Full PDB file with SEQRES, HELIX, SHEET, SSBOND, CRYST1, ORIGX, SCALE, CONECT and MASTER records, all heavy atoms in Angstrom:
SEQRES   1 A   35  ILE TRP ILE THR TYR ARG PRO ASP LEU PRO GLN ASP GLN          
SEQRES   2 A   35  VAL ALA ARG LEU ALA GLU ARG VAL GLN GLY THR ASP LYS          
SEQRES   3 A   35  THR PHE MET SER PRO PHE GLU GLY LEU                          
HELIX    1 AA1 GLN A   11  VAL A   21  1                                  11    
SHEET    1 AA1 2 TRP A   2  TYR A   5  0                                        
SHEET    2 AA1 2 PHE A  28  PRO A  31  1                                        
CRYST1    1.000    1.000    1.000  90.00  90.00  90.00 P 1           1          
ORIGX1      1.000000  0.000000  0.000000        0.00000                         
ORIGX2      0.000000  1.000000  0.000000        0.00000                         
ORIGX3      0.000000  0.000000  1.000000        0.00000                         
SCALE1      1.000000  0.000000  0.000000        0.00000                         
SCALE2      0.000000  1.000000  0.000000        0.00000                         
SCALE3      0.000000  0.000000  1.000000        0.00000                         
ATOM      1  N   ILE A   1      41.426  10.232 162.654  1.00  0.00           N  
ATOM      2  CA  ILE A   1      42.352   9.817 161.595  1.00  0.00           C  
ATOM      3  C   ILE A   1      43.537   9.144 162.273  1.00  0.00           C  
ATOM      4  O   ILE A   1      44.167   9.717 163.171  1.00  0.00           O  
ATOM      5  CB  ILE A   1      42.852  11.021 160.771  1.00  0.00           C  
ATOM      6  CG1 ILE A   1      41.683  11.770 160.140  1.00  0.00           C  
ATOM      7  CG2 ILE A   1      43.850  10.570 159.705  1.00  0.00           C  
ATOM      8  CD1 ILE A   1      40.878  10.980 159.144  1.00  0.00           C  
ATOM      9  N   TRP A   2      43.852   7.934 161.842  1.00  0.00           N  
ATOM     10  CA  TRP A   2      44.966   7.175 162.412  1.00  0.00           C  
ATOM     11  C   TRP A   2      46.089   7.129 161.371  1.00  0.00           C  
ATOM     12  O   TRP A   2      45.929   6.566 160.293  1.00  0.00           O  
ATOM     13  CB  TRP A   2      44.492   5.768 162.769  1.00  0.00           C  
ATOM     14  CG  TRP A   2      45.531   4.860 163.395  1.00  0.00           C  
ATOM     15  CD1 TRP A   2      46.659   5.233 164.067  1.00  0.00           C  
ATOM     16  CD2 TRP A   2      45.496   3.425 163.407  1.00  0.00           C  
ATOM     17  NE1 TRP A   2      47.355   4.120 164.506  1.00  0.00           N  
ATOM     18  CE2 TRP A   2      46.651   2.999 164.120  1.00  0.00           C  
ATOM     19  CE3 TRP A   2      44.623   2.458 162.911  1.00  0.00           C  
ATOM     20  CZ2 TRP A   2      46.954   1.646 164.317  1.00  0.00           C  
ATOM     21  CZ3 TRP A   2      44.905   1.112 163.123  1.00  0.00           C  
ATOM     22  CH2 TRP A   2      46.064   0.719 163.811  1.00  0.00           C  
ATOM     23  N   ILE A   3      47.224   7.726 161.721  1.00  0.00           N  
ATOM     24  CA  ILE A   3      48.396   7.718 160.843  1.00  0.00           C  
ATOM     25  C   ILE A   3      49.365   6.662 161.355  1.00  0.00           C  
ATOM     26  O   ILE A   3      49.781   6.697 162.524  1.00  0.00           O  
ATOM     27  CB  ILE A   3      49.096   9.097 160.817  1.00  0.00           C  
ATOM     28  CG1 ILE A   3      48.128  10.181 160.308  1.00  0.00           C  
ATOM     29  CG2 ILE A   3      50.347   9.053 159.940  1.00  0.00           C  
ATOM     30  CD1 ILE A   3      48.721  11.579 160.280  1.00  0.00           C  
ATOM     31  N   THR A   4      49.705   5.730 160.495  1.00  0.00           N  
ATOM     32  CA  THR A   4      50.677   4.689 160.852  1.00  0.00           C  
ATOM     33  C   THR A   4      51.884   4.784 159.919  1.00  0.00           C  
ATOM     34  O   THR A   4      51.782   5.272 158.793  1.00  0.00           O  
ATOM     35  CB  THR A   4      50.045   3.293 160.729  1.00  0.00           C  
ATOM     36  OG1 THR A   4      49.554   3.109 159.388  1.00  0.00           O  
ATOM     37  CG2 THR A   4      48.886   3.126 161.709  1.00  0.00           C  
ATOM     38  N   TYR A   5      53.045   4.292 160.418  1.00  0.00           N  
ATOM     39  CA  TYR A   5      54.269   4.381 159.630  1.00  0.00           C  
ATOM     40  C   TYR A   5      55.200   3.226 159.999  1.00  0.00           C  
ATOM     41  O   TYR A   5      55.104   2.642 161.100  1.00  0.00           O  
ATOM     42  CB  TYR A   5      54.974   5.724 159.867  1.00  0.00           C  
ATOM     43  CG  TYR A   5      55.352   5.984 161.317  1.00  0.00           C  
ATOM     44  CD1 TYR A   5      56.607   5.626 161.813  1.00  0.00           C  
ATOM     45  CD2 TYR A   5      54.440   6.567 162.193  1.00  0.00           C  
ATOM     46  CE1 TYR A   5      56.940   5.858 163.142  1.00  0.00           C  
ATOM     47  CE2 TYR A   5      54.761   6.795 163.522  1.00  0.00           C  
ATOM     48  CZ  TYR A   5      56.021   6.435 163.986  1.00  0.00           C  
ATOM     49  OH  TYR A   5      56.354   6.646 165.310  1.00  0.00           O  
ATOM     50  N   ARG A   6      56.082   2.905 159.097  1.00  0.00           N  
ATOM     51  CA  ARG A   6      57.065   1.860 159.377  1.00  0.00           C  
ATOM     52  C   ARG A   6      57.984   2.301 160.509  1.00  0.00           C  
ATOM     53  O   ARG A   6      58.367   3.472 160.590  1.00  0.00           O  
ATOM     54  CB  ARG A   6      57.918   1.593 158.140  1.00  0.00           C  
ATOM     55  CG  ARG A   6      57.218   0.823 157.034  1.00  0.00           C  
ATOM     56  CD  ARG A   6      58.130   0.725 155.833  1.00  0.00           C  
ATOM     57  NE  ARG A   6      57.524  -0.033 154.735  1.00  0.00           N  
ATOM     58  CZ  ARG A   6      58.038  -0.096 153.516  1.00  0.00           C  
ATOM     59  NH1 ARG A   6      59.179   0.557 153.232  1.00  0.00           N  
ATOM     60  NH2 ARG A   6      57.432  -0.798 152.575  1.00  0.00           N  
ATOM     61  N   PRO A   7      58.375   1.365 161.395  1.00  0.00           N  
ATOM     62  CA  PRO A   7      59.257   1.729 162.508  1.00  0.00           C  
ATOM     63  C   PRO A   7      60.612   2.282 162.046  1.00  0.00           C  
ATOM     64  O   PRO A   7      61.254   3.026 162.799  1.00  0.00           O  
ATOM     65  CB  PRO A   7      59.438   0.408 163.266  1.00  0.00           C  
ATOM     66  CG  PRO A   7      58.198  -0.362 162.953  1.00  0.00           C  
ATOM     67  CD  PRO A   7      57.871  -0.016 161.531  1.00  0.00           C  
ATOM     68  N   ASP A   8      61.043   1.939 160.823  1.00  0.00           N  
ATOM     69  CA  ASP A   8      62.339   2.432 160.343  1.00  0.00           C  
ATOM     70  C   ASP A   8      62.213   3.722 159.518  1.00  0.00           C  
ATOM     71  O   ASP A   8      63.175   4.144 158.873  1.00  0.00           O  
ATOM     72  CB  ASP A   8      63.037   1.362 159.505  1.00  0.00           C  
ATOM     73  CG  ASP A   8      62.243   0.950 158.272  1.00  0.00           C  
ATOM     74  OD1 ASP A   8      61.067   1.380 158.153  1.00  0.00           O  
ATOM     75  OD2 ASP A   8      62.780   0.201 157.430  1.00  0.00           O  
ATOM     76  N   LEU A   9      61.051   4.360 159.554  1.00  0.00           N  
ATOM     77  CA  LEU A   9      60.889   5.618 158.829  1.00  0.00           C  
ATOM     78  C   LEU A   9      61.845   6.659 159.422  1.00  0.00           C  
ATOM     79  O   LEU A   9      61.937   6.797 160.645  1.00  0.00           O  
ATOM     80  CB  LEU A   9      59.440   6.114 158.950  1.00  0.00           C  
ATOM     81  CG  LEU A   9      59.070   7.323 158.081  1.00  0.00           C  
ATOM     82  CD1 LEU A   9      59.010   6.935 156.608  1.00  0.00           C  
ATOM     83  CD2 LEU A   9      57.731   7.909 158.531  1.00  0.00           C  
ATOM     84  N   PRO A  10      62.585   7.403 158.575  1.00  0.00           N  
ATOM     85  CA  PRO A  10      63.514   8.422 159.093  1.00  0.00           C  
ATOM     86  C   PRO A  10      62.827   9.385 160.054  1.00  0.00           C  
ATOM     87  O   PRO A  10      61.655   9.731 159.890  1.00  0.00           O  
ATOM     88  CB  PRO A  10      63.996   9.135 157.830  1.00  0.00           C  
ATOM     89  CG  PRO A  10      63.876   8.102 156.756  1.00  0.00           C  
ATOM     90  CD  PRO A  10      62.639   7.317 157.101  1.00  0.00           C  
ATOM     91  N   GLN A  11      63.584   9.810 161.045  1.00  0.00           N  
ATOM     92  CA  GLN A  11      63.019  10.648 162.099  1.00  0.00           C  
ATOM     93  C   GLN A  11      62.474  11.980 161.584  1.00  0.00           C  
ATOM     94  O   GLN A  11      61.501  12.509 162.136  1.00  0.00           O  
ATOM     95  CB  GLN A  11      64.059  10.896 163.199  1.00  0.00           C  
ATOM     96  CG  GLN A  11      64.263   9.709 164.119  1.00  0.00           C  
ATOM     97  CD  GLN A  11      62.967   9.282 164.797  1.00  0.00           C  
ATOM     98  OE1 GLN A  11      62.263  10.087 165.407  1.00  0.00           O  
ATOM     99  NE2 GLN A  11      62.625   7.994 164.691  1.00  0.00           N  
ATOM    100  N   ASP A  12      63.093  12.530 160.552  1.00  0.00           N  
ATOM    101  CA  ASP A  12      62.567  13.791 160.030  1.00  0.00           C  
ATOM    102  C   ASP A  12      61.193  13.586 159.404  1.00  0.00           C  
ATOM    103  O   ASP A  12      60.326  14.465 159.466  1.00  0.00           O  
ATOM    104  CB  ASP A  12      63.531  14.414 159.018  1.00  0.00           C  
ATOM    105  CG  ASP A  12      63.753  13.524 157.799  1.00  0.00           C  
ATOM    106  OD1 ASP A  12      63.788  12.293 157.955  1.00  0.00           O  
ATOM    107  OD2 ASP A  12      63.885  14.081 156.684  1.00  0.00           O  
ATOM    108  N   GLN A  13      60.973  12.389 158.834  1.00  0.00           N  
ATOM    109  CA  GLN A  13      59.667  12.060 158.278  1.00  0.00           C  
ATOM    110  C   GLN A  13      58.634  11.876 159.390  1.00  0.00           C  
ATOM    111  O   GLN A  13      57.495  12.349 159.286  1.00  0.00           O  
ATOM    112  CB  GLN A  13      59.764  10.783 157.446  1.00  0.00           C  
ATOM    113  CG  GLN A  13      60.616  10.908 156.190  1.00  0.00           C  
ATOM    114  CD  GLN A  13      59.799  11.457 155.030  1.00  0.00           C  
ATOM    115  OE1 GLN A  13      58.827  10.856 154.592  1.00  0.00           O  
ATOM    116  NE2 GLN A  13      60.192  12.619 154.557  1.00  0.00           N  
ATOM    117  N   VAL A  14      59.050  11.202 160.456  1.00  0.00           N  
ATOM    118  CA  VAL A  14      58.155  11.011 161.603  1.00  0.00           C  
ATOM    119  C   VAL A  14      57.772  12.366 162.193  1.00  0.00           C  
ATOM    120  O   VAL A  14      56.611  12.602 162.560  1.00  0.00           O  
ATOM    121  CB  VAL A  14      58.828  10.122 162.672  1.00  0.00           C  
ATOM    122  CG1 VAL A  14      57.943  10.025 163.919  1.00  0.00           C  
ATOM    123  CG2 VAL A  14      59.120   8.726 162.116  1.00  0.00           C  
ATOM    124  N   ALA A  15      58.749  13.271 162.270  1.00  0.00           N  
ATOM    125  CA  ALA A  15      58.487  14.604 162.830  1.00  0.00           C  
ATOM    126  C   ALA A  15      57.473  15.367 161.979  1.00  0.00           C  
ATOM    127  O   ALA A  15      56.613  16.082 162.516  1.00  0.00           O  
ATOM    128  CB  ALA A  15      59.790  15.388 162.937  1.00  0.00           C  
ATOM    129  N   ARG A  16      57.547  15.232 160.675  1.00  0.00           N  
ATOM    130  CA  ARG A  16      56.600  15.924 159.797  1.00  0.00           C  
ATOM    131  C   ARG A  16      55.175  15.386 159.983  1.00  0.00           C  
ATOM    132  O   ARG A  16      54.205  16.133 159.928  1.00  0.00           O  
ATOM    133  CB  ARG A  16      57.022  15.799 158.335  1.00  0.00           C  
ATOM    134  CG  ARG A  16      58.311  16.513 158.017  1.00  0.00           C  
ATOM    135  CD  ARG A  16      58.563  16.604 156.521  1.00  0.00           C  
ATOM    136  NE  ARG A  16      57.605  17.496 155.876  1.00  0.00           N  
ATOM    137  CZ  ARG A  16      57.673  17.846 154.596  1.00  0.00           C  
ATOM    138  NH1 ARG A  16      58.639  17.353 153.822  1.00  0.00           N  
ATOM    139  NH2 ARG A  16      56.775  18.656 154.076  1.00  0.00           N  
ATOM    140  N   LEU A  17      55.082  14.086 160.214  1.00  0.00           N  
ATOM    141  CA  LEU A  17      53.765  13.504 160.496  1.00  0.00           C  
ATOM    142  C   LEU A  17      53.230  13.994 161.842  1.00  0.00           C  
ATOM    143  O   LEU A  17      52.043  14.318 161.972  1.00  0.00           O  
ATOM    144  CB  LEU A  17      53.850  11.978 160.494  1.00  0.00           C  
ATOM    145  CG  LEU A  17      54.200  11.307 159.164  1.00  0.00           C  
ATOM    146  CD1 LEU A  17      54.370   9.803 159.366  1.00  0.00           C  
ATOM    147  CD2 LEU A  17      53.131  11.584 158.108  1.00  0.00           C  
ATOM    148  N   ALA A  18      54.124  14.055 162.822  1.00  0.00           N  
ATOM    149  CA  ALA A  18      53.715  14.479 164.161  1.00  0.00           C  
ATOM    150  C   ALA A  18      53.204  15.921 164.157  1.00  0.00           C  
ATOM    151  O   ALA A  18      52.311  16.272 164.945  1.00  0.00           O  
ATOM    152  CB  ALA A  18      54.879  14.326 165.140  1.00  0.00           C  
ATOM    153  N   GLU A  19      53.757  16.757 163.280  1.00  0.00           N  
ATOM    154  CA  GLU A  19      53.298  18.145 163.197  1.00  0.00           C  
ATOM    155  C   GLU A  19      51.825  18.226 162.807  1.00  0.00           C  
ATOM    156  O   GLU A  19      51.128  19.163 163.185  1.00  0.00           O  
ATOM    157  CB  GLU A  19      54.137  18.906 162.173  1.00  0.00           C  
ATOM    158  CG  GLU A  19      55.565  19.183 162.627  1.00  0.00           C  
ATOM    159  CD  GLU A  19      56.398  19.831 161.536  1.00  0.00           C  
ATOM    160  OE1 GLU A  19      55.857  20.051 160.427  1.00  0.00           O  
ATOM    161  OE2 GLU A  19      57.584  20.127 161.787  1.00  0.00           O  
ATOM    162  N   ARG A  20      51.371  17.265 162.048  1.00  0.00           N  
ATOM    163  CA  ARG A  20      49.972  17.259 161.621  1.00  0.00           C  
ATOM    164  C   ARG A  20      49.036  16.748 162.719  1.00  0.00           C  
ATOM    165  O   ARG A  20      47.826  16.979 162.648  1.00  0.00           O  
ATOM    166  CB  ARG A  20      49.804  16.387 160.373  1.00  0.00           C  
ATOM    167  CG  ARG A  20      50.510  16.934 159.126  1.00  0.00           C  
ATOM    168  CD  ARG A  20      50.331  15.952 157.993  1.00  0.00           C  
ATOM    169  NE  ARG A  20      50.719  16.472 156.694  1.00  0.00           N  
ATOM    170  CZ  ARG A  20      51.917  16.327 156.155  1.00  0.00           C  
ATOM    171  NH1 ARG A  20      52.865  15.665 156.828  1.00  0.00           N  
ATOM    172  NH2 ARG A  20      52.182  16.830 154.971  1.00  0.00           N  
ATOM    173  N   VAL A  21      49.594  16.049 163.686  1.00  0.00           N  
ATOM    174  CA  VAL A  21      48.777  15.402 164.709  1.00  0.00           C  
ATOM    175  C   VAL A  21      48.731  16.199 166.005  1.00  0.00           C  
ATOM    176  O   VAL A  21      47.641  16.412 166.566  1.00  0.00           O  
ATOM    177  CB  VAL A  21      49.309  13.973 164.981  1.00  0.00           C  
ATOM    178  CG1 VAL A  21      48.608  13.358 166.184  1.00  0.00           C  
ATOM    179  CG2 VAL A  21      49.138  13.105 163.737  1.00  0.00           C  
ATOM    180  N   GLN A  22      49.881  16.612 166.482  1.00  0.00           N  
ATOM    181  CA  GLN A  22      49.949  17.279 167.786  1.00  0.00           C  
ATOM    182  C   GLN A  22      49.058  18.518 167.829  1.00  0.00           C  
ATOM    183  O   GLN A  22      49.131  19.379 166.967  1.00  0.00           O  
ATOM    184  CB  GLN A  22      51.390  17.659 168.109  1.00  0.00           C  
ATOM    185  CG  GLN A  22      52.280  16.452 168.378  1.00  0.00           C  
ATOM    186  CD  GLN A  22      53.749  16.822 168.532  1.00  0.00           C  
ATOM    187  OE1 GLN A  22      54.251  17.722 167.867  1.00  0.00           O  
ATOM    188  NE2 GLN A  22      54.457  16.118 169.398  1.00  0.00           N  
ATOM    189  N   GLY A  23      48.214  18.569 168.834  1.00  0.00           N  
ATOM    190  CA  GLY A  23      47.314  19.707 169.001  1.00  0.00           C  
ATOM    191  C   GLY A  23      46.054  19.641 168.160  1.00  0.00           C  
ATOM    192  O   GLY A  23      45.257  20.588 168.181  1.00  0.00           O  
ATOM    193  N   THR A  24      45.859  18.567 167.416  1.00  0.00           N  
ATOM    194  CA  THR A  24      44.675  18.443 166.555  1.00  0.00           C  
ATOM    195  C   THR A  24      43.792  17.311 167.059  1.00  0.00           C  
ATOM    196  O   THR A  24      44.186  16.143 167.016  1.00  0.00           O  
ATOM    197  CB  THR A  24      45.082  18.177 165.092  1.00  0.00           C  
ATOM    198  OG1 THR A  24      45.935  19.228 164.634  1.00  0.00           O  
ATOM    199  CG2 THR A  24      43.852  18.110 164.194  1.00  0.00           C  
ATOM    200  N   ASP A  25      42.620  17.663 167.544  1.00  0.00           N  
ATOM    201  CA  ASP A  25      41.709  16.631 168.047  1.00  0.00           C  
ATOM    202  C   ASP A  25      41.243  15.723 166.915  1.00  0.00           C  
ATOM    203  O   ASP A  25      41.232  16.088 165.739  1.00  0.00           O  
ATOM    204  CB  ASP A  25      40.495  17.303 168.696  1.00  0.00           C  
ATOM    205  CG  ASP A  25      39.667  16.315 169.500  1.00  0.00           C  
ATOM    206  OD1 ASP A  25      40.262  15.397 170.110  1.00  0.00           O  
ATOM    207  OD2 ASP A  25      38.417  16.468 169.527  1.00  0.00           O  
ATOM    208  N   LYS A  26      40.890  14.502 167.271  1.00  0.00           N  
ATOM    209  CA  LYS A  26      40.473  13.457 166.334  1.00  0.00           C  
ATOM    210  C   LYS A  26      41.609  13.056 165.379  1.00  0.00           C  
ATOM    211  O   LYS A  26      41.364  12.735 164.215  1.00  0.00           O  
ATOM    212  CB  LYS A  26      39.253  13.918 165.510  1.00  0.00           C  
ATOM    213  CG  LYS A  26      38.004  14.235 166.344  1.00  0.00           C  
ATOM    214  CD  LYS A  26      37.451  12.974 167.007  1.00  0.00           C  
ATOM    215  CE  LYS A  26      36.227  13.249 167.838  1.00  0.00           C  
ATOM    216  NZ  LYS A  26      35.002  13.472 167.086  1.00  0.00           N  
ATOM    217  N   THR A  27      42.838  13.055 165.893  1.00  0.00           N  
ATOM    218  CA  THR A  27      43.983  12.502 165.157  1.00  0.00           C  
ATOM    219  C   THR A  27      44.888  11.781 166.151  1.00  0.00           C  
ATOM    220  O   THR A  27      44.962  12.149 167.326  1.00  0.00           O  
ATOM    221  CB  THR A  27      44.819  13.594 164.438  1.00  0.00           C  
ATOM    222  OG1 THR A  27      45.372  14.488 165.404  1.00  0.00           O  
ATOM    223  CG2 THR A  27      43.979  14.371 163.423  1.00  0.00           C  
ATOM    224  N   PHE A  28      45.588  10.746 165.686  1.00  0.00           N  
ATOM    225  CA  PHE A  28      46.617  10.059 166.479  1.00  0.00           C  
ATOM    226  C   PHE A  28      47.510   9.290 165.517  1.00  0.00           C  
ATOM    227  O   PHE A  28      47.142   9.039 164.352  1.00  0.00           O  
ATOM    228  CB  PHE A  28      45.996   9.140 167.547  1.00  0.00           C  
ATOM    229  CG  PHE A  28      45.182   7.990 167.021  1.00  0.00           C  
ATOM    230  CD1 PHE A  28      45.568   6.672 167.283  1.00  0.00           C  
ATOM    231  CD2 PHE A  28      44.003   8.184 166.303  1.00  0.00           C  
ATOM    232  CE1 PHE A  28      44.808   5.591 166.824  1.00  0.00           C  
ATOM    233  CE2 PHE A  28      43.240   7.123 165.853  1.00  0.00           C  
ATOM    234  CZ  PHE A  28      43.641   5.815 166.109  1.00  0.00           C  
ATOM    235  N   MET A  29      48.709   8.918 165.979  1.00  0.00           N  
ATOM    236  CA  MET A  29      49.648   8.211 165.119  1.00  0.00           C  
ATOM    237  C   MET A  29      50.482   7.229 165.926  1.00  0.00           C  
ATOM    238  O   MET A  29      50.672   7.398 167.138  1.00  0.00           O  
ATOM    239  CB  MET A  29      50.570   9.203 164.390  1.00  0.00           C  
ATOM    240  CG  MET A  29      51.455  10.047 165.297  1.00  0.00           C  
ATOM    241  SD  MET A  29      52.508  11.196 164.362  1.00  0.00           S  
ATOM    242  CE  MET A  29      53.783  10.081 163.743  1.00  0.00           C  
ATOM    243  N   SER A  30      50.974   6.207 165.236  1.00  0.00           N  
ATOM    244  CA  SER A  30      51.813   5.190 165.893  1.00  0.00           C  
ATOM    245  C   SER A  30      52.570   4.407 164.823  1.00  0.00           C  
ATOM    246  O   SER A  30      52.145   4.342 163.663  1.00  0.00           O  
ATOM    247  CB  SER A  30      50.929   4.236 166.718  1.00  0.00           C  
ATOM    248  OG  SER A  30      50.088   3.495 165.841  1.00  0.00           O  
ATOM    249  N   PRO A  31      53.711   3.807 165.191  1.00  0.00           N  
ATOM    250  CA  PRO A  31      54.409   2.920 164.248  1.00  0.00           C  
ATOM    251  C   PRO A  31      53.600   1.641 164.063  1.00  0.00           C  
ATOM    252  O   PRO A  31      52.818   1.248 164.945  1.00  0.00           O  
ATOM    253  CB  PRO A  31      55.746   2.661 164.947  1.00  0.00           C  
ATOM    254  CG  PRO A  31      55.489   2.896 166.401  1.00  0.00           C  
ATOM    255  CD  PRO A  31      54.431   3.951 166.477  1.00  0.00           C  
ATOM    256  N   PHE A  32      53.821   0.992 162.900  1.00  0.00           N  
ATOM    257  CA  PHE A  32      53.054  -0.231 162.589  1.00  0.00           C  
ATOM    258  C   PHE A  32      53.961  -1.194 161.827  1.00  0.00           C  
ATOM    259  O   PHE A  32      54.510  -0.845 160.778  1.00  0.00           O  
ATOM    260  CB  PHE A  32      51.821   0.118 161.747  1.00  0.00           C  
ATOM    261  CG  PHE A  32      50.789  -0.955 161.676  1.00  0.00           C  
ATOM    262  CD1 PHE A  32      49.688  -0.928 162.501  1.00  0.00           C  
ATOM    263  CD2 PHE A  32      50.918  -2.019 160.778  1.00  0.00           C  
ATOM    264  CE1 PHE A  32      48.720  -1.928 162.432  1.00  0.00           C  
ATOM    265  CE2 PHE A  32      49.964  -3.010 160.700  1.00  0.00           C  
ATOM    266  CZ  PHE A  32      48.854  -2.974 161.539  1.00  0.00           C  
ATOM    267  N   GLU A  33      54.099  -2.362 162.363  1.00  0.00           N  
ATOM    268  CA  GLU A  33      54.942  -3.391 161.730  1.00  0.00           C  
ATOM    269  C   GLU A  33      54.274  -3.968 160.473  1.00  0.00           C  
ATOM    270  O   GLU A  33      53.062  -4.183 160.451  1.00  0.00           O  
ATOM    271  CB  GLU A  33      55.194  -4.546 162.727  1.00  0.00           C  
ATOM    272  CG  GLU A  33      56.000  -4.137 163.963  1.00  0.00           C  
ATOM    273  CD  GLU A  33      57.491  -4.016 163.674  1.00  0.00           C  
ATOM    274  OE1 GLU A  33      57.920  -4.341 162.546  1.00  0.00           O  
ATOM    275  OE2 GLU A  33      58.223  -3.587 164.588  1.00  0.00           O  
ATOM    276  N   GLY A  34      55.081  -4.247 159.464  1.00  0.00           N  
ATOM    277  CA  GLY A  34      54.618  -4.976 158.293  1.00  0.00           C  
ATOM    278  C   GLY A  34      53.905  -4.150 157.230  1.00  0.00           C  
ATOM    279  O   GLY A  34      53.215  -4.718 156.373  1.00  0.00           O  
ATOM    280  N   LEU A  35      54.047  -2.834 157.240  1.00  0.00           N  
ATOM    281  CA  LEU A  35      53.414  -2.017 156.196  1.00  0.00           C  
ATOM    282  C   LEU A  35      54.069  -2.278 154.846  1.00  0.00           C  
ATOM    283  O   LEU A  35      55.290  -2.426 154.744  1.00  0.00           O  
ATOM    284  CB  LEU A  35      53.533  -0.522 156.541  1.00  0.00           C  
ATOM    285  CG  LEU A  35      52.671   0.015 157.695  1.00  0.00           C  
ATOM    286  CD1 LEU A  35      52.930   1.510 157.873  1.00  0.00           C  
ATOM    287  CD2 LEU A  35      51.200  -0.240 157.420  1.00  0.00           C  
TER     288      LEU A  35                                                      
MASTER        0    0    0    1    2    0    0    6  287    1    0    3          
END                                                                             
């Protein structure tokens, strides 16, 4: 599962997404321009 987000997404929102990814195999996330 690839989670992408706008680079200007508030940091608390980014942190909530990261909680779902860190330590979970078959997941990754990155910022994405132009969403």
